PDB file of N, CA and C in Angstrom:
ATOM      1  N   MET A   1      -1.631 -11.028   3.149  1.00  0.00           N
ATOM      2  CA  MET A   1      -2.076 -10.575   1.847  1.00  0.00           C
ATOM      3  C   MET A   1      -0.861 -10.437   0.929  1.00  0.00           C
ATOM      4  N   GLU A   2      -0.999 -10.877  -0.298  1.00  0.00           N
ATOM      5  CA  GLU A   2       0.104 -10.812  -1.256  1.00  0.00           C
ATOM      6  C   GLU A   2      -0.112  -9.641  -2.212  1.00  0.00           C
ATOM      7  N   PHE A   3       0.918  -8.825  -2.366  1.00  0.00           N
ATOM      8  CA  PHE A   3       0.860  -7.687  -3.279  1.00  0.00           C
ATOM      9  C   PHE A   3       1.788  -7.944  -4.453  1.00  0.00           C
ATOM     10  N   ARG A   4       1.387  -7.490  -5.635  1.00  0.00           N
ATOM     11  CA  ARG A   4       2.203  -7.659  -6.834  1.00  0.00           C
ATOM     12  C   ARG A   4       2.483  -6.283  -7.432  1.00  0.00           C
ATOM     13  N   GLN A   5       3.675  -6.143  -7.988  1.00  0.00           N
ATOM     14  CA  GLN A   5       4.082  -4.883  -8.598  1.00  0.00           C
ATOM     15  C   GLN A   5       3.070  -4.477  -9.663  1.00  0.00           C
ATOM     16  N   GLY A   6       2.688  -3.212  -9.647  1.00  0.00           N
ATOM     17  CA  GLY A   6       1.761  -2.683 -10.635  1.00  0.00           C
ATOM     18  C   GLY A   6       0.304  -2.737 -10.217  1.00  0.00           C
ATOM     19  N   GLU A   7      -0.004  -3.445  -9.130  1.00  0.00           N
ATOM     20  CA  GLU A   7      -1.386  -3.519  -8.662  1.00  0.00           C
ATOM     21  C   GLU A   7      -1.816  -2.195  -8.049  1.00  0.00           C
ATOM     22  N   ILE A   8      -3.086  -1.925  -8.158  1.00  0.00           N
ATOM     23  CA  ILE A   8      -3.679  -0.784  -7.476  1.00  0.00           C
ATOM     24  C   ILE A   8      -4.509  -1.342  -6.332  1.00  0.00           C
ATOM     25  N   VAL A   9      -4.235  -0.849  -5.127  1.00  0.00           N
ATOM     26  CA  VAL A   9      -4.936  -1.311  -3.930  1.00  0.00           C
ATOM     27  C   VAL A   9      -5.612  -0.119  -3.261  1.00  0.00           C
ATOM     28  N   LEU A  10      -6.623  -0.390  -2.473  1.00  0.00           N
ATOM     29  CA  LEU A  10      -7.304   0.655  -1.713  1.00  0.00           C
ATOM     30  C   LEU A  10      -6.826   0.602  -0.271  1.00  0.00           C
ATOM     31  N   LEU A  11      -6.326   1.744   0.218  1.00  0.00           N
ATOM     32  CA  LEU A  11      -5.765   1.823   1.562  1.00  0.00           C
ATOM     33  C   LEU A  11      -6.349   3.005   2.317  1.00  0.00           C
ATOM     34  N   PRO A  12      -6.474   2.883   3.632  1.00  0.00           N
ATOM     35  CA  PRO A  12      -6.929   4.033   4.425  1.00  0.00           C
ATOM     36  C   PRO A  12      -5.773   5.015   4.634  1.00  0.00           C
ATOM     37  N   PHE A  13      -5.936   6.240   4.166  1.00  0.00           N
ATOM     38  CA  PHE A  13      -4.948   7.289   4.372  1.00  0.00           C
ATOM     39  C   PHE A  13      -5.500   8.248   5.415  1.00  0.00           C
ATOM     40  N   PRO A  14      -4.774   8.449   6.525  1.00  0.00           N
ATOM     41  CA  PRO A  14      -5.278   9.327   7.585  1.00  0.00           C
ATOM     42  C   PRO A  14      -5.196  10.797   7.185  1.00  0.00           C
ATOM     43  N   PHE A  15      -6.098  11.577   7.768  1.00  0.00           N
ATOM     44  CA  PHE A  15      -6.041  13.022   7.610  1.00  0.00           C
ATOM     45  C   PHE A  15      -4.885  13.562   8.452  1.00  0.00           C
ATOM     46  N   ASP A  16      -4.541  14.830   8.254  1.00  0.00           N
ATOM     47  CA  ASP A  16      -3.416  15.440   8.974  1.00  0.00           C
ATOM     48  C   ASP A  16      -3.527  15.305  10.487  1.00  0.00           C
ATOM     49  N   ASP A  17      -4.732  15.456  11.009  1.00  0.00           N
ATOM     50  CA  ASP A  17      -4.896  15.404  12.468  1.00  0.00           C
ATOM     51  C   ASP A  17      -5.055  13.975  13.000  1.00  0.00           C
ATOM     52  N   LEU A  18      -5.014  12.983  12.114  1.00  0.00           N
ATOM     53  CA  LEU A  18      -5.062  11.553  12.455  1.00  0.00           C
ATOM     54  C   LEU A  18      -6.362  11.104  13.119  1.00  0.00           C
ATOM     55  N   THR A  19      -7.402  11.930  13.072  1.00  0.00           N
ATOM     56  CA  THR A  19      -8.670  11.546  13.699  1.00  0.00           C
ATOM     57  C   THR A  19      -9.522  10.677  12.787  1.00  0.00           C
ATOM     58  N   LYS A  20      -9.336  10.810  11.489  1.00  0.00           N
ATOM     59  CA  LYS A  20     -10.114  10.048  10.514  1.00  0.00           C
ATOM     60  C   LYS A  20      -9.204   9.627   9.373  1.00  0.00           C
ATOM     61  N   ALA A  21      -9.701   8.706   8.569  1.00  0.00           N
ATOM     62  CA  ALA A  21      -8.964   8.272   7.381  1.00  0.00           C
ATOM     63  C   ALA A  21      -9.939   8.142   6.226  1.00  0.00           C
ATOM     64  N   LYS A  22      -9.436   8.304   5.027  1.00  0.00           N
ATOM     65  CA  LYS A  22     -10.242   8.157   3.823  1.00  0.00           C
ATOM     66  C   LYS A  22      -9.577   7.106   2.944  1.00  0.00           C
ATOM     67  N   THR A  23     -10.366   6.223   2.372  1.00  0.00           N
ATOM     68  CA  THR A  23      -9.829   5.186   1.497  1.00  0.00           C
ATOM     69  C   THR A  23      -9.428   5.799   0.163  1.00  0.00           C
ATOM     70  N   ARG A  24      -8.188   5.538  -0.223  1.00  0.00           N
ATOM     71  CA  ARG A  24      -7.639   6.072  -1.472  1.00  0.00           C
ATOM     72  C   ARG A  24      -6.915   4.963  -2.229  1.00  0.00           C
ATOM     73  N   PRO A  25      -6.832   5.078  -3.559  1.00  0.00           N
ATOM     74  CA  PRO A  25      -6.064   4.089  -4.322  1.00  0.00           C
ATOM     75  C   PRO A  25      -4.566   4.334  -4.154  1.00  0.00           C
ATOM     76  N   ALA A  26      -3.802   3.245  -4.192  1.00  0.00           N
ATOM     77  CA  ALA A  26      -2.339   3.320  -4.114  1.00  0.00           C
ATOM     78  C   ALA A  26      -1.757   2.306  -5.094  1.00  0.00           C
ATOM     79  N   LEU A  27      -0.651   2.663  -5.720  1.00  0.00           N
ATOM     80  CA  LEU A  27       0.023   1.801  -6.692  1.00  0.00           C
ATOM     81  C   LEU A  27       1.195   1.098  -6.024  1.00  0.00           C
ATOM     82  N   ILE A  28       1.296  -0.215  -6.186  1.00  0.00           N
ATOM     83  CA  ILE A  28       2.425  -0.983  -5.659  1.00  0.00           C
ATOM     84  C   ILE A  28       3.580  -0.845  -6.645  1.00  0.00           C
ATOM     85  N   VAL A  29       4.689  -0.230  -6.198  1.00  0.00           N
ATOM     86  CA  VAL A  29       5.834  -0.011  -7.091  1.00  0.00           C
ATOM     87  C   VAL A  29       7.024  -0.904  -6.750  1.00  0.00           C
ATOM     88  N   SER A  30       7.035  -1.505  -5.568  1.00  0.00           N
ATOM     89  CA  SER A  30       8.151  -2.396  -5.211  1.00  0.00           C
ATOM     90  C   SER A  30       8.072  -3.683  -6.026  1.00  0.00           C
ATOM     91  N   SER A  31       9.241  -4.300  -6.245  1.00  0.00           N
ATOM     92  CA  SER A  31       9.295  -5.513  -7.068  1.00  0.00           C
ATOM     93  C   SER A  31       8.606  -6.680  -6.367  1.00  0.00           C
ATOM     94  N   ASN A  32       8.177  -7.651  -7.151  1.00  0.00           N
ATOM     95  CA  ASN A  32       7.517  -8.826  -6.589  1.00  0.00           C
ATOM     96  C   ASN A  32       8.446  -9.565  -5.634  1.00  0.00           C
ATOM     97  N   ARG A  33       9.720  -9.659  -5.963  1.00  0.00           N
ATOM     98  CA  ARG A  33      10.688 -10.338  -5.089  1.00  0.00           C
ATOM     99  C   ARG A  33      10.786  -9.618  -3.747  1.00  0.00           C
ATOM    100  N   PHE A  34      10.893  -8.298  -3.786  1.00  0.00           N
ATOM    101  CA  PHE A  34      10.957  -7.510  -2.549  1.00  0.00           C
ATOM    102  C   PHE A  34       9.697  -7.723  -1.722  1.00  0.00           C
ATOM    103  N   ASN A  35       8.552  -7.753  -2.373  1.00  0.00           N
ATOM    104  CA  ASN A  35       7.286  -7.939  -1.664  1.00  0.00           C
ATOM    105  C   ASN A  35       7.219  -9.306  -0.988  1.00  0.00           C
ATOM    106  N   GLN A  36       7.859 -10.310  -1.574  1.00  0.00           N
ATOM    107  CA  GLN A  36       7.849 -11.660  -0.997  1.00  0.00           C
ATOM    108  C   GLN A  36       8.722 -11.768   0.248  1.00  0.00           C
ATOM    109  N   ILE A  37       9.848 -11.057   0.264  1.00  0.00           N
ATOM    110  CA  ILE A  37      10.796 -11.222   1.369  1.00  0.00           C
ATOM    111  C   ILE A  37      10.679 -10.141   2.437  1.00  0.00           C
ATOM    112  N   SER A  38       9.896  -9.117   2.199  1.00  0.00           N
ATOM    113  CA  SER A  38       9.797  -8.005   3.136  1.00  0.00           C
ATOM    114  C   SER A  38       8.364  -7.831   3.624  1.00  0.00           C
ATOM    115  N   ARG A  39       8.239  -7.305   4.813  1.00  0.00           N
ATOM    116  CA  ARG A  39       6.911  -6.968   5.334  1.00  0.00           C
ATOM    117  C   ARG A  39       6.524  -5.540   4.942  1.00  0.00           C
ATOM    118  N   THR A  40       7.424  -4.844   4.263  1.00  0.00           N
ATOM    119  CA  THR A  40       7.183  -3.482   3.809  1.00  0.00           C
ATOM    120  C   THR A  40       6.888  -3.503   2.318  1.00  0.00           C
ATOM    121  N   VAL A  41       5.845  -2.813   1.920  1.00  0.00           N
ATOM    122  CA  VAL A  41       5.491  -2.700   0.503  1.00  0.00           C
ATOM    123  C   VAL A  41       5.577  -1.234   0.130  1.00  0.00           C
ATOM    124  N   ILE A  42       6.198  -0.952  -1.005  1.00  0.00           N
ATOM    125  CA  ILE A  42       6.363   0.430  -1.465  1.00  0.00           C
ATOM    126  C   ILE A  42       5.505   0.632  -2.697  1.00  0.00           C
TER     127      ILE A  42
END
């Protein structure tokens, strides 16, 4: 999956006890170049 800076994506965020997760929006803040060369997205 390709992510672009400034996009809003929906991701599962786990609860504190890690038994469940809830889908929440997240903003991609890493640069497009970083997203292309890294497997980590910030």
